[in-house]
């Protein structure tokens, strides 16, 4: 996969050809130099951003200095293994989010190259790999890329980590079959910039799953159940399916699905999730989630938009081509 990855990548600054060596990458056009850390390419315009580690912002008030080394290791372990070892309902909800995110795109996954942007520690990349794709997991954090690599090692997955910025993706135009994001664009000051880059790079399909701009979410923010700003201080940008779908149509895609659904869980499952996953309650909990989406899903707090590039459909490309 490493050789194939090199053939897809260009300079994120000027889209020039890259010259690779063991420890660095240099653009042959603008002469920018990009490091390789522990075998992971870091193709960022701002190299300092790679040292950001999202685990530093998981403690309210940025009290990471007070977090013991063991606690940080536990957090890292959870990110590497999630959803393995989590309560049944929590795992089921993540399975359902993935199922929705690739509905209508299933046939292109086996053997195809997929790019997950804002990939974190590789959970979504794992879902895609288990569906048959060869996955590039890109994130702006080197720490996240290292955890994605460890996930790959532990579970024997076809995932290649990369440090990259979704707003300046280091890929040639229309070179990756599927470009995929799950809860990543809402981190950006301008989510549309990331979406435009995803569309530029995608050869066949785009999948977007993000928090939706919804009345129920506004209420949850007021009740303290959802965040208006992340713990890192950034505004949580919530999107509308119609806006995302409109942007993709304008860039040559046919929208397959653009809708909302209801789903709520905390990032780390707690006692309530464990209780609802207990024998005797697990089936009831799953049924309640399904029924809730039938009744109120159209007004839900999550959105998914999937789209196929029109030209790819006309060309009749086979999966993985």
C-alpha atoms as a PDB file:
ATOM      1  CA  UNK A   1       0.000   0.000   0.000  1.00  0.00           C
ATOM      2  CA  UNK A   2       2.950   2.349   0.679  1.00  0.00           C
ATOM      3  CA  UNK A   3       4.028   2.361  -2.983  1.00  0.00           C
ATOM      4  CA  UNK A   4       0.438   2.947  -4.085  1.00  0.00           C
ATOM      5  CA  UNK A   5       0.107   5.794  -1.574  1.00  0.00           C
ATOM      6  CA  UNK A   6       3.179   7.536  -2.975  1.00  0.00           C
ATOM      7  CA  UNK A   7       1.623   7.442  -6.423  1.00  0.00           C
ATOM      8  CA  UNK A   8      -1.500   9.231  -5.144  1.00  0.00           C
ATOM      9  CA  UNK A   9       0.189  11.998  -3.169  1.00  0.00           C
ATOM     10  CA  UNK A  10       1.259  15.487  -4.208  1.00  0.00           C
ATOM     11  CA  UNK A  11       2.489  18.582  -2.408  1.00  0.00           C
ATOM     12  CA  UNK A  12      -0.373  20.068  -0.349  1.00  0.00           C
ATOM     13  CA  UNK A  13       0.913  23.578  -1.099  1.00  0.00           C
ATOM     14  CA  UNK A  14       1.261  23.511  -4.909  1.00  0.00           C
ATOM     15  CA  UNK A  15       0.176  19.988  -5.953  1.00  0.00           C
ATOM     16  CA  UNK A  16       3.645  19.400  -7.349  1.00  0.00           C
ATOM     17  CA  UNK A  17       5.366  16.019  -7.734  1.00  0.00           C
ATOM     18  CA  UNK A  18       7.022  14.629  -4.592  1.00  0.00           C
ATOM     19  CA  UNK A  19      10.473  13.092  -4.261  1.00  0.00           C
ATOM     20  CA  UNK A  20      10.654  10.495  -1.471  1.00  0.00           C
ATOM     21  CA  UNK A  21      13.569   9.430   0.691  1.00  0.00           C
ATOM     22  CA  UNK A  22      13.745   7.450   3.921  1.00  0.00           C
ATOM     23  CA  UNK A  23      13.365  10.414   6.286  1.00  0.00           C
ATOM     24  CA  UNK A  24      11.763  13.189   4.238  1.00  0.00           C
ATOM     25  CA  UNK A  25       9.654  14.143   1.239  1.00  0.00           C
ATOM     26  CA  UNK A  26      10.473  17.119  -0.984  1.00  0.00           C
ATOM     27  CA  UNK A  27       8.292  18.852  -3.549  1.00  0.00           C
ATOM     28  CA  UNK A  28      10.022  19.010  -6.900  1.00  0.00           C
ATOM     29  CA  UNK A  29       8.080  22.147  -7.849  1.00  0.00           C
ATOM     30  CA  UNK A  30       8.165  24.451  -4.800  1.00  0.00           C
ATOM     31  CA  UNK A  31      10.993  22.726  -2.847  1.00  0.00           C
ATOM     32  CA  UNK A  32       8.967  22.416   0.370  1.00  0.00           C
ATOM     33  CA  UNK A  33      10.228  19.636   2.633  1.00  0.00           C
ATOM     34  CA  UNK A  34       7.932  17.343   4.629  1.00  0.00           C
ATOM     35  CA  UNK A  35       9.178  14.955   7.329  1.00  0.00           C
ATOM     36  CA  UNK A  36       8.484  11.259   7.783  1.00  0.00           C
ATOM     37  CA  UNK A  37       8.089  10.318  11.462  1.00  0.00           C
ATOM     38  CA  UNK A  38       8.265   6.641  12.403  1.00  0.00           C
ATOM     39  CA  UNK A  39       7.418   5.802   8.806  1.00  0.00           C
ATOM     40  CA  UNK A  40       4.345   8.088   8.751  1.00  0.00           C
ATOM     41  CA  UNK A  41       4.404  10.915   6.142  1.00  0.00           C
ATOM     42  CA  UNK A  42       3.537  14.350   7.567  1.00  0.00           C
ATOM     43  CA  UNK A  43       2.198  16.395   4.653  1.00  0.00           C
ATOM     44  CA  UNK A  44       1.098  19.573   6.427  1.00  0.00           C
ATOM     45  CA  UNK A  45       1.581  23.209   5.512  1.00  0.00           C
ATOM     46  CA  UNK A  46       1.891  23.920   9.245  1.00  0.00           C
ATOM     47  CA  UNK A  47       4.218  21.251  10.591  1.00  0.00           C
ATOM     48  CA  UNK A  48       3.642  22.328  14.200  1.00  0.00           C
ATOM     49  CA  UNK A  49       0.017  21.203  13.905  1.00  0.00           C
ATOM     50  CA  UNK A  50       1.158  17.568  13.693  1.00  0.00           C
ATOM     51  CA  UNK A  51       2.222  17.649  17.325  1.00  0.00           C
ATOM     52  CA  UNK A  52      -1.349  18.426  18.416  1.00  0.00           C
ATOM     53  CA  UNK A  53      -2.848  15.396  20.118  1.00  0.00           C
ATOM     54  CA  UNK A  54      -6.611  15.368  20.572  1.00  0.00           C
ATOM     55  CA  UNK A  55      -6.236  13.393  23.811  1.00  0.00           C
ATOM     56  CA  UNK A  56      -4.848  16.546  25.406  1.00  0.00           C
ATOM     57  CA  UNK A  57      -8.277  18.161  25.091  1.00  0.00           C
ATOM     58  CA  UNK A  58     -10.451  15.397  26.496  1.00  0.00           C
ATOM     59  CA  UNK A  59     -10.208  16.637  30.087  1.00  0.00           C
ATOM     60  CA  UNK A  60     -12.580  19.575  30.848  1.00  0.00           C
ATOM     61  CA  UNK A  61     -10.705  22.822  31.393  1.00  0.00           C
ATOM     62  CA  UNK A  62      -7.602  21.495  29.617  1.00  0.00           C
ATOM     63  CA  UNK A  63      -6.345  19.980  32.879  1.00  0.00           C
ATOM     64  CA  UNK A  64      -4.113  17.565  31.035  1.00  0.00           C
ATOM     65  CA  UNK A  65      -1.125  18.511  33.205  1.00  0.00           C
ATOM     66  CA  UNK A  66      -2.960  16.995  36.143  1.00  0.00           C
ATOM     67  CA  UNK A  67      -3.738  13.772  34.311  1.00  0.00           C
ATOM     68  CA  UNK A  68      -1.430  10.967  35.388  1.00  0.00           C
ATOM     69  CA  UNK A  69       0.598   9.106  32.798  1.00  0.00           C
ATOM     70  CA  UNK A  70      -1.447   5.982  33.435  1.00  0.00           C
ATOM     71  CA  UNK A  71      -4.693   7.853  32.806  1.00  0.00           C
ATOM     72  CA  UNK A  72      -3.374   9.132  29.478  1.00  0.00           C
ATOM     73  CA  UNK A  73      -2.382   5.607  28.536  1.00  0.00           C
ATOM     74  CA  UNK A  74      -5.897   4.392  29.360  1.00  0.00           C
ATOM     75  CA  UNK A  75      -7.354   7.123  27.122  1.00  0.00           C
ATOM     76  CA  UNK A  76      -4.987   6.149  24.318  1.00  0.00           C
ATOM     77  CA  UNK A  77      -5.882   2.485  24.743  1.00  0.00           C
ATOM     78  CA  UNK A  78      -9.596   3.263  24.445  1.00  0.00           C
ATOM     79  CA  UNK A  79      -9.009   5.247  21.244  1.00  0.00           C
ATOM     80  CA  UNK A  80      -6.957   2.431  19.714  1.00  0.00           C
ATOM     81  CA  UNK A  81      -9.496  -0.308  20.499  1.00  0.00           C
ATOM     82  CA  UNK A  82     -12.880   1.436  20.295  1.00  0.00           C
ATOM     83  CA  UNK A  83     -15.460  -0.099  19.700  1.00  0.00           C
ATOM     84  CA  UNK A  84     -13.821  -3.409  20.683  1.00  0.00           C
ATOM     85  CA  UNK A  85     -14.638  -4.251  24.294  1.00  0.00           C
ATOM     86  CA  UNK A  86     -17.385  -1.636  24.623  1.00  0.00           C
ATOM     87  CA  UNK A  87     -20.969  -2.380  25.794  1.00  0.00           C
ATOM     88  CA  UNK A  88     -23.191  -4.071  23.237  1.00  0.00           C
ATOM     89  CA  UNK A  89     -25.521  -1.116  22.650  1.00  0.00           C
ATOM     90  CA  UNK A  90     -22.608   1.287  22.184  1.00  0.00           C
ATOM     91  CA  UNK A  91     -21.063  -1.070  19.620  1.00  0.00           C
ATOM     92  CA  UNK A  92     -24.449  -1.488  17.942  1.00  0.00           C
ATOM     93  CA  UNK A  93     -24.922   2.284  17.598  1.00  0.00           C
ATOM     94  CA  UNK A  94     -21.529   2.674  15.916  1.00  0.00           C
ATOM     95  CA  UNK A  95     -22.322  -0.252  13.610  1.00  0.00           C
ATOM     96  CA  UNK A  96     -25.563   1.483  12.673  1.00  0.00           C
ATOM     97  CA  UNK A  97     -23.829   4.789  11.955  1.00  0.00           C
ATOM     98  CA  UNK A  98     -21.427   3.013   9.627  1.00  0.00           C
ATOM     99  CA  UNK A  99     -24.236   1.097   7.911  1.00  0.00           C
ATOM    100  CA  UNK A 100     -26.021   4.356   7.180  1.00  0.00           C
ATOM    101  CA  UNK A 101     -22.814   6.044   6.019  1.00  0.00           C
ATOM    102  CA  UNK A 102     -22.158   3.547   3.211  1.00  0.00           C
ATOM    103  CA  UNK A 103     -25.745   2.742   2.236  1.00  0.00           C
ATOM    104  CA  UNK A 104     -25.861   2.783  -1.563  1.00  0.00           C
ATOM    105  CA  UNK A 105     -22.052   2.620  -1.792  1.00  0.00           C
ATOM    106  CA  UNK A 106     -21.537  -0.975  -0.666  1.00  0.00           C
ATOM    107  CA  UNK A 107     -20.683  -2.319  -4.107  1.00  0.00           C
ATOM    108  CA  UNK A 108     -17.671  -0.054  -4.571  1.00  0.00           C
ATOM    109  CA  UNK A 109     -15.950  -0.952  -1.288  1.00  0.00           C
ATOM    110  CA  UNK A 110     -14.407  -4.395  -1.943  1.00  0.00           C
ATOM    111  CA  UNK A 111     -10.902  -3.836  -3.284  1.00  0.00           C
ATOM    112  CA  UNK A 112     -11.295  -0.058  -3.551  1.00  0.00           C
ATOM    113  CA  UNK A 113      -9.020   2.574  -2.050  1.00  0.00           C
ATOM    114  CA  UNK A 114     -10.793   4.670   0.578  1.00  0.00           C
ATOM    115  CA  UNK A 115      -9.575   7.802   2.370  1.00  0.00           C
ATOM    116  CA  UNK A 116     -10.869   8.688   5.816  1.00  0.00           C
ATOM    117  CA  UNK A 117     -10.278  12.347   6.693  1.00  0.00           C
ATOM    118  CA  UNK A 118     -10.202  13.586  10.295  1.00  0.00           C
ATOM    119  CA  UNK A 119      -9.725   9.864  10.970  1.00  0.00           C
ATOM    120  CA  UNK A 120      -8.640  10.059  14.603  1.00  0.00           C
ATOM    121  CA  UNK A 121      -7.317   6.723  15.816  1.00  0.00           C
ATOM    122  CA  UNK A 122      -8.742   4.756  12.900  1.00  0.00           C
ATOM    123  CA  UNK A 123     -12.101   3.426  14.103  1.00  0.00           C
ATOM    124  CA  UNK A 124     -13.925   4.366  10.885  1.00  0.00           C
ATOM    125  CA  UNK A 125     -10.960   3.200   8.835  1.00  0.00           C
ATOM    126  CA  UNK A 126     -11.347  -0.191  10.521  1.00  0.00           C
ATOM    127  CA  UNK A 127     -15.035  -0.381   9.569  1.00  0.00           C
ATOM    128  CA  UNK A 128     -14.117   0.358   5.951  1.00  0.00           C
ATOM    129  CA  UNK A 129     -11.229  -2.114   5.951  1.00  0.00           C
ATOM    130  CA  UNK A 130     -13.499  -4.858   7.276  1.00  0.00           C
ATOM    131  CA  UNK A 131     -15.887  -4.038   4.403  1.00  0.00           C
ATOM    132  CA  UNK A 132     -13.073  -4.848   1.980  1.00  0.00           C
ATOM    133  CA  UNK A 133     -11.477  -1.472   1.252  1.00  0.00           C
ATOM    134  CA  UNK A 134      -7.795  -0.552   1.342  1.00  0.00           C
ATOM    135  CA  UNK A 135      -7.870   2.488   3.611  1.00  0.00           C
ATOM    136  CA  UNK A 136      -5.710   5.581   4.043  1.00  0.00           C
ATOM    137  CA  UNK A 137      -6.429   7.055   7.491  1.00  0.00           C
ATOM    138  CA  UNK A 138      -5.505  10.745   7.498  1.00  0.00           C
ATOM    139  CA  UNK A 139      -5.569  13.091  10.470  1.00  0.00           C
ATOM    140  CA  UNK A 140      -3.854  16.339  11.372  1.00  0.00           C
ATOM    141  CA  UNK A 141      -2.506  14.749  14.580  1.00  0.00           C
ATOM    142  CA  UNK A 142       0.622  12.604  14.506  1.00  0.00           C
ATOM    143  CA  UNK A 143      -0.489  11.039  17.793  1.00  0.00           C
ATOM    144  CA  UNK A 144      -3.745   9.952  16.178  1.00  0.00           C
ATOM    145  CA  UNK A 145      -1.864   8.525  13.180  1.00  0.00           C
ATOM    146  CA  UNK A 146       0.370   6.510  15.501  1.00  0.00           C
ATOM    147  CA  UNK A 147      -2.680   5.098  17.287  1.00  0.00           C
ATOM    148  CA  UNK A 148      -4.265   4.222  13.934  1.00  0.00           C
ATOM    149  CA  UNK A 149      -1.074   2.353  13.038  1.00  0.00           C
ATOM    150  CA  UNK A 150      -1.236   0.449  16.326  1.00  0.00           C
ATOM    151  CA  UNK A 151      -4.879  -0.438  15.650  1.00  0.00           C
ATOM    152  CA  UNK A 152      -3.774  -1.731  12.253  1.00  0.00           C
ATOM    153  CA  UNK A 153      -1.052  -3.871  13.809  1.00  0.00           C
ATOM    154  CA  UNK A 154      -3.290  -5.365  16.486  1.00  0.00           C
ATOM    155  CA  UNK A 155      -6.187  -6.289  14.255  1.00  0.00           C
ATOM    156  CA  UNK A 156      -4.366  -7.071  11.004  1.00  0.00           C
ATOM    157  CA  UNK A 157      -6.107  -4.377   8.955  1.00  0.00           C
ATOM    158  CA  UNK A 158      -5.415  -2.888   5.512  1.00  0.00           C
ATOM    159  CA  UNK A 159      -4.935   0.676   6.802  1.00  0.00           C
ATOM    160  CA  UNK A 160      -2.121   3.134   6.030  1.00  0.00           C
ATOM    161  CA  UNK A 161      -1.817   6.163   8.364  1.00  0.00           C
ATOM    162  CA  UNK A 162      -1.041   9.648   7.046  1.00  0.00           C
ATOM    163  CA  UNK A 163      -0.791  13.076   8.667  1.00  0.00           C
ATOM    164  CA  UNK A 164      -2.693  15.571   6.512  1.00  0.00           C
ATOM    165  CA  UNK A 165      -5.050  18.527   6.764  1.00  0.00           C
ATOM    166  CA  UNK A 166      -8.534  17.995   5.304  1.00  0.00           C
ATOM    167  CA  UNK A 167      -8.497  21.608   4.062  1.00  0.00           C
ATOM    168  CA  UNK A 168      -5.281  20.961   2.080  1.00  0.00           C
ATOM    169  CA  UNK A 169      -5.349  17.294   1.116  1.00  0.00           C
ATOM    170  CA  UNK A 170      -2.088  16.104  -0.493  1.00  0.00           C
ATOM    171  CA  UNK A 171      -3.816  14.037  -3.186  1.00  0.00           C
ATOM    172  CA  UNK A 172      -4.193  14.359  -6.923  1.00  0.00           C
ATOM    173  CA  UNK A 173      -7.647  15.197  -8.271  1.00  0.00           C
ATOM    174  CA  UNK A 174     -10.085  12.267  -8.393  1.00  0.00           C
ATOM    175  CA  UNK A 175      -7.596   9.611  -7.326  1.00  0.00           C
ATOM    176  CA  UNK A 176      -9.331   7.908  -4.363  1.00  0.00           C
ATOM    177  CA  UNK A 177     -12.457   5.829  -4.921  1.00  0.00           C
ATOM    178  CA  UNK A 178     -14.220   6.859  -1.693  1.00  0.00           C
ATOM    179  CA  UNK A 179     -13.520   9.846   0.549  1.00  0.00           C
ATOM    180  CA  UNK A 180     -15.171   9.434   3.944  1.00  0.00           C
ATOM    181  CA  UNK A 181     -15.641  11.596   7.038  1.00  0.00           C
ATOM    182  CA  UNK A 182     -17.349  10.843  10.341  1.00  0.00           C
ATOM    183  CA  UNK A 183     -17.692  13.704  12.825  1.00  0.00           C
ATOM    184  CA  UNK A 184     -14.711  15.587  11.427  1.00  0.00           C
ATOM    185  CA  UNK A 185     -15.880  18.596   9.399  1.00  0.00           C
ATOM    186  CA  UNK A 186     -17.576  20.121  12.439  1.00  0.00           C
ATOM    187  CA  UNK A 187     -14.093  20.736  13.902  1.00  0.00           C
ATOM    188  CA  UNK A 188     -13.347  23.219  11.121  1.00  0.00           C
ATOM    189  CA  UNK A 189     -13.963  26.941  11.123  1.00  0.00           C
ATOM    190  CA  UNK A 190     -15.229  26.562   7.546  1.00  0.00           C
ATOM    191  CA  UNK A 191     -16.557  23.000   7.027  1.00  0.00           C
ATOM    192  CA  UNK A 192     -17.190  23.779   3.360  1.00  0.00           C
ATOM    193  CA  UNK A 193     -13.450  24.031   2.732  1.00  0.00           C
ATOM    194  CA  UNK A 194     -12.945  20.462   3.906  1.00  0.00           C
ATOM    195  CA  UNK A 195     -15.952  19.239   1.936  1.00  0.00           C
ATOM    196  CA  UNK A 196     -14.608  20.870  -1.238  1.00  0.00           C
ATOM    197  CA  UNK A 197     -11.289  19.070  -0.830  1.00  0.00           C
ATOM    198  CA  UNK A 198     -13.049  15.749  -0.242  1.00  0.00           C
ATOM    199  CA  UNK A 199     -15.021  16.239  -3.465  1.00  0.00           C
ATOM    200  CA  UNK A 200     -11.884  17.202  -5.412  1.00  0.00           C
ATOM    201  CA  UNK A 201     -10.041  14.034  -4.391  1.00  0.00           C
ATOM    202  CA  UNK A 202     -12.951  11.563  -4.710  1.00  0.00           C
ATOM    203  CA  UNK A 203     -12.991   9.555  -7.940  1.00  0.00           C
ATOM    204  CA  UNK A 204     -16.236   7.712  -7.258  1.00  0.00           C
ATOM    205  CA  UNK A 205     -17.988   8.585  -3.996  1.00  0.00           C
ATOM    206  CA  UNK A 206     -18.162  10.798  -0.915  1.00  0.00           C
ATOM    207  CA  UNK A 207     -19.685   9.923   2.458  1.00  0.00           C
ATOM    208  CA  UNK A 208     -20.343  12.550   5.142  1.00  0.00           C
ATOM    209  CA  UNK A 209     -21.669  11.871   8.658  1.00  0.00           C
ATOM    210  CA  UNK A 210     -21.775  14.923  10.935  1.00  0.00           C
ATOM    211  CA  UNK A 211     -23.761  16.612  13.712  1.00  0.00           C
ATOM    212  CA  UNK A 212     -26.903  18.179  12.228  1.00  0.00           C
ATOM    213  CA  UNK A 213     -28.238  21.660  12.838  1.00  0.00           C
ATOM    214  CA  UNK A 214     -31.432  20.704  14.629  1.00  0.00           C
ATOM    215  CA  UNK A 215     -33.830  22.024  17.259  1.00  0.00           C
ATOM    216  CA  UNK A 216     -33.214  18.938  19.392  1.00  0.00           C
ATOM    217  CA  UNK A 217     -29.476  19.671  19.368  1.00  0.00           C
ATOM    218  CA  UNK A 218     -30.046  23.289  20.395  1.00  0.00           C
ATOM    219  CA  UNK A 219     -32.105  22.006  23.325  1.00  0.00           C
ATOM    220  CA  UNK A 220     -29.396  19.485  24.213  1.00  0.00           C
ATOM    221  CA  UNK A 221     -26.811  22.289  24.277  1.00  0.00           C
ATOM    222  CA  UNK A 222     -28.984  24.285  26.681  1.00  0.00           C
ATOM    223  CA  UNK A 223     -29.360  21.215  28.901  1.00  0.00           C
ATOM    224  CA  UNK A 224     -25.649  20.513  28.850  1.00  0.00           C
ATOM    225  CA  UNK A 225     -26.037  17.236  26.923  1.00  0.00           C
ATOM    226  CA  UNK A 226     -24.261  18.572  23.823  1.00  0.00           C
ATOM    227  CA  UNK A 227     -21.445  21.070  23.339  1.00  0.00           C
ATOM    228  CA  UNK A 228     -21.668  24.465  21.679  1.00  0.00           C
ATOM    229  CA  UNK A 229     -17.875  24.539  21.807  1.00  0.00           C
ATOM    230  CA  UNK A 230     -15.426  21.678  22.025  1.00  0.00           C
ATOM    231  CA  UNK A 231     -13.203  21.318  25.051  1.00  0.00           C
ATOM    232  CA  UNK A 232     -10.386  22.657  22.868  1.00  0.00           C
ATOM    233  CA  UNK A 233     -12.408  25.906  22.577  1.00  0.00           C
ATOM    234  CA  UNK A 234     -13.529  25.537  18.957  1.00  0.00           C
ATOM    235  CA  UNK A 235     -17.119  26.100  17.910  1.00  0.00           C
ATOM    236  CA  UNK A 236     -18.992  22.919  16.979  1.00  0.00           C
ATOM    237  CA  UNK A 237     -20.216  23.613  13.440  1.00  0.00           C
ATOM    238  CA  UNK A 238     -23.485  21.761  12.828  1.00  0.00           C
ATOM    239  CA  UNK A 239     -24.554  21.250   9.225  1.00  0.00           C
ATOM    240  CA  UNK A 240     -27.709  20.789   7.176  1.00  0.00           C
ATOM    241  CA  UNK A 241     -28.102  17.825   4.792  1.00  0.00           C
ATOM    242  CA  UNK A 242     -29.394  20.111   2.031  1.00  0.00           C
ATOM    243  CA  UNK A 243     -26.293  22.312   2.256  1.00  0.00           C
ATOM    244  CA  UNK A 244     -23.891  19.378   2.053  1.00  0.00           C
ATOM    245  CA  UNK A 245     -25.901  17.778  -0.767  1.00  0.00           C
ATOM    246  CA  UNK A 246     -25.998  21.063  -2.696  1.00  0.00           C
ATOM    247  CA  UNK A 247     -22.223  21.453  -2.479  1.00  0.00           C
ATOM    248  CA  UNK A 248     -21.657  17.931  -3.767  1.00  0.00           C
ATOM    249  CA  UNK A 249     -24.139  18.319  -6.627  1.00  0.00           C
ATOM    250  CA  UNK A 250     -22.357  21.516  -7.663  1.00  0.00           C
ATOM    251  CA  UNK A 251     -19.113  19.516  -7.841  1.00  0.00           C
ATOM    252  CA  UNK A 252     -20.419  16.790 -10.132  1.00  0.00           C
ATOM    253  CA  UNK A 253     -21.991  14.263  -7.784  1.00  0.00           C
ATOM    254  CA  UNK A 254     -25.373  12.582  -7.717  1.00  0.00           C
ATOM    255  CA  UNK A 255     -26.677  12.462  -4.161  1.00  0.00           C
ATOM    256  CA  UNK A 256     -27.757   8.988  -3.081  1.00  0.00           C
ATOM    257  CA  UNK A 257     -28.901   9.833   0.458  1.00  0.00           C
ATOM    258  CA  UNK A 258     -29.206  13.144   2.305  1.00  0.00           C
ATOM    259  CA  UNK A 259     -31.140  12.950   5.546  1.00  0.00           C
ATOM    260  CA  UNK A 260     -31.080  13.140   9.320  1.00  0.00           C
ATOM    261  CA  UNK A 261     -31.446  10.540  12.029  1.00  0.00           C
ATOM    262  CA  UNK A 262     -31.435  10.447  15.811  1.00  0.00           C
ATOM    263  CA  UNK A 263     -28.552   9.000  17.814  1.00  0.00           C
ATOM    264  CA  UNK A 264     -26.967   9.909  21.118  1.00  0.00           C
ATOM    265  CA  UNK A 265     -24.088   8.394  23.049  1.00  0.00           C
ATOM    266  CA  UNK A 266     -21.202   9.766  25.045  1.00  0.00           C
ATOM    267  CA  UNK A 267     -17.742   9.370  23.586  1.00  0.00           C
ATOM    268  CA  UNK A 268     -16.818   6.961  26.376  1.00  0.00           C
ATOM    269  CA  UNK A 269     -19.691   4.694  27.435  1.00  0.00           C
ATOM    270  CA  UNK A 270     -20.775   4.973  31.056  1.00  0.00           C
ATOM    271  CA  UNK A 271     -22.978   3.111  33.505  1.00  0.00           C
ATOM    272  CA  UNK A 272     -26.224   3.863  31.651  1.00  0.00           C
ATOM    273  CA  UNK A 273     -24.874   2.385  28.411  1.00  0.00           C
ATOM    274  CA  UNK A 274     -23.654  -0.694  30.277  1.00  0.00           C
ATOM    275  CA  UNK A 275     -27.048  -1.126  31.929  1.00  0.00           C
ATOM    276  CA  UNK A 276     -28.914  -0.841  28.628  1.00  0.00           C
ATOM    277  CA  UNK A 277     -26.553  -3.440  27.164  1.00  0.00           C
ATOM    278  CA  UNK A 278     -27.259  -6.006  29.885  1.00  0.00           C
ATOM    279  CA  UNK A 279     -29.008  -9.298  29.018  1.00  0.00           C
ATOM    280  CA  UNK A 280     -32.733  -8.750  28.939  1.00  0.00           C
ATOM    281  CA  UNK A 281     -32.397  -5.034  28.181  1.00  0.00           C
ATOM    282  CA  UNK A 282     -30.127  -5.096  25.130  1.00  0.00           C
ATOM    283  CA  UNK A 283     -32.838  -6.228  22.705  1.00  0.00           C
ATOM    284  CA  UNK A 284     -35.337  -3.756  24.126  1.00  0.00           C
ATOM    285  CA  UNK A 285     -32.784  -0.934  23.844  1.00  0.00           C
ATOM    286  CA  UNK A 286     -32.064  -1.742  20.200  1.00  0.00           C
ATOM    287  CA  UNK A 287     -35.764  -1.879  19.396  1.00  0.00           C
ATOM    288  CA  UNK A 288     -36.309   1.476  21.114  1.00  0.00           C
ATOM    289  CA  UNK A 289     -33.542   3.103  19.056  1.00  0.00           C
ATOM    290  CA  UNK A 290     -34.999   1.710  15.820  1.00  0.00           C
ATOM    291  CA  UNK A 291     -38.526   2.788  16.690  1.00  0.00           C
ATOM    292  CA  UNK A 292     -37.340   6.234  17.711  1.00  0.00           C
ATOM    293  CA  UNK A 293     -35.755   6.750  14.305  1.00  0.00           C
ATOM    294  CA  UNK A 294     -38.908   5.628  12.527  1.00  0.00           C
ATOM    295  CA  UNK A 295     -40.932   8.173  14.517  1.00  0.00           C
ATOM    296  CA  UNK A 296     -38.598  11.176  14.852  1.00  0.00           C
ATOM    297  CA  UNK A 297     -35.469  10.392  12.831  1.00  0.00           C
ATOM    298  CA  UNK A 298     -36.212  13.019  10.190  1.00  0.00           C
ATOM    299  CA  UNK A 299     -35.732  15.681  12.873  1.00  0.00           C
ATOM    300  CA  UNK A 300     -32.684  13.971  14.390  1.00  0.00           C
ATOM    301  CA  UNK A 301     -29.351  15.315  15.576  1.00  0.00           C
ATOM    302  CA  UNK A 302     -27.157  13.505  13.016  1.00  0.00           C
ATOM    303  CA  UNK A 303     -26.917  13.805   9.240  1.00  0.00           C
ATOM    304  CA  UNK A 304     -25.585  11.528   6.543  1.00  0.00           C
ATOM    305  CA  UNK A 305     -24.979  12.436   2.931  1.00  0.00           C
ATOM    306  CA  UNK A 306     -23.678   9.900   0.421  1.00  0.00           C
ATOM    307  CA  UNK A 307     -23.014  10.759  -3.210  1.00  0.00           C
ATOM    308  CA  UNK A 308     -21.591   9.213  -6.382  1.00  0.00           C
ATOM    309  CA  UNK A 309     -19.610  11.076  -8.990  1.00  0.00           C
ATOM    310  CA  UNK A 310     -21.771  11.260 -12.104  1.00  0.00           C
ATOM    311  CA  UNK A 311     -18.922  10.692 -14.553  1.00  0.00           C
ATOM    312  CA  UNK A 312     -17.881   7.475 -12.744  1.00  0.00           C
ATOM    313  CA  UNK A 313     -21.407   6.093 -13.090  1.00  0.00           C
ATOM    314  CA  UNK A 314     -21.462   6.861 -16.805  1.00  0.00           C
ATOM    315  CA  UNK A 315     -18.021   5.334 -17.309  1.00  0.00           C
ATOM    316  CA  UNK A 316     -19.178   2.135 -15.618  1.00  0.00           C
ATOM    317  CA  UNK A 317     -16.080   1.745 -13.460  1.00  0.00           C
ATOM    318  CA  UNK A 318     -15.816  -1.553 -11.662  1.00  0.00           C
ATOM    319  CA  UNK A 319     -15.300  -1.734  -7.865  1.00  0.00           C
ATOM    320  CA  UNK A 320     -11.728  -0.960  -6.916  1.00  0.00           C
ATOM    321  CA  UNK A 321     -10.824   0.453 -10.325  1.00  0.00           C
END
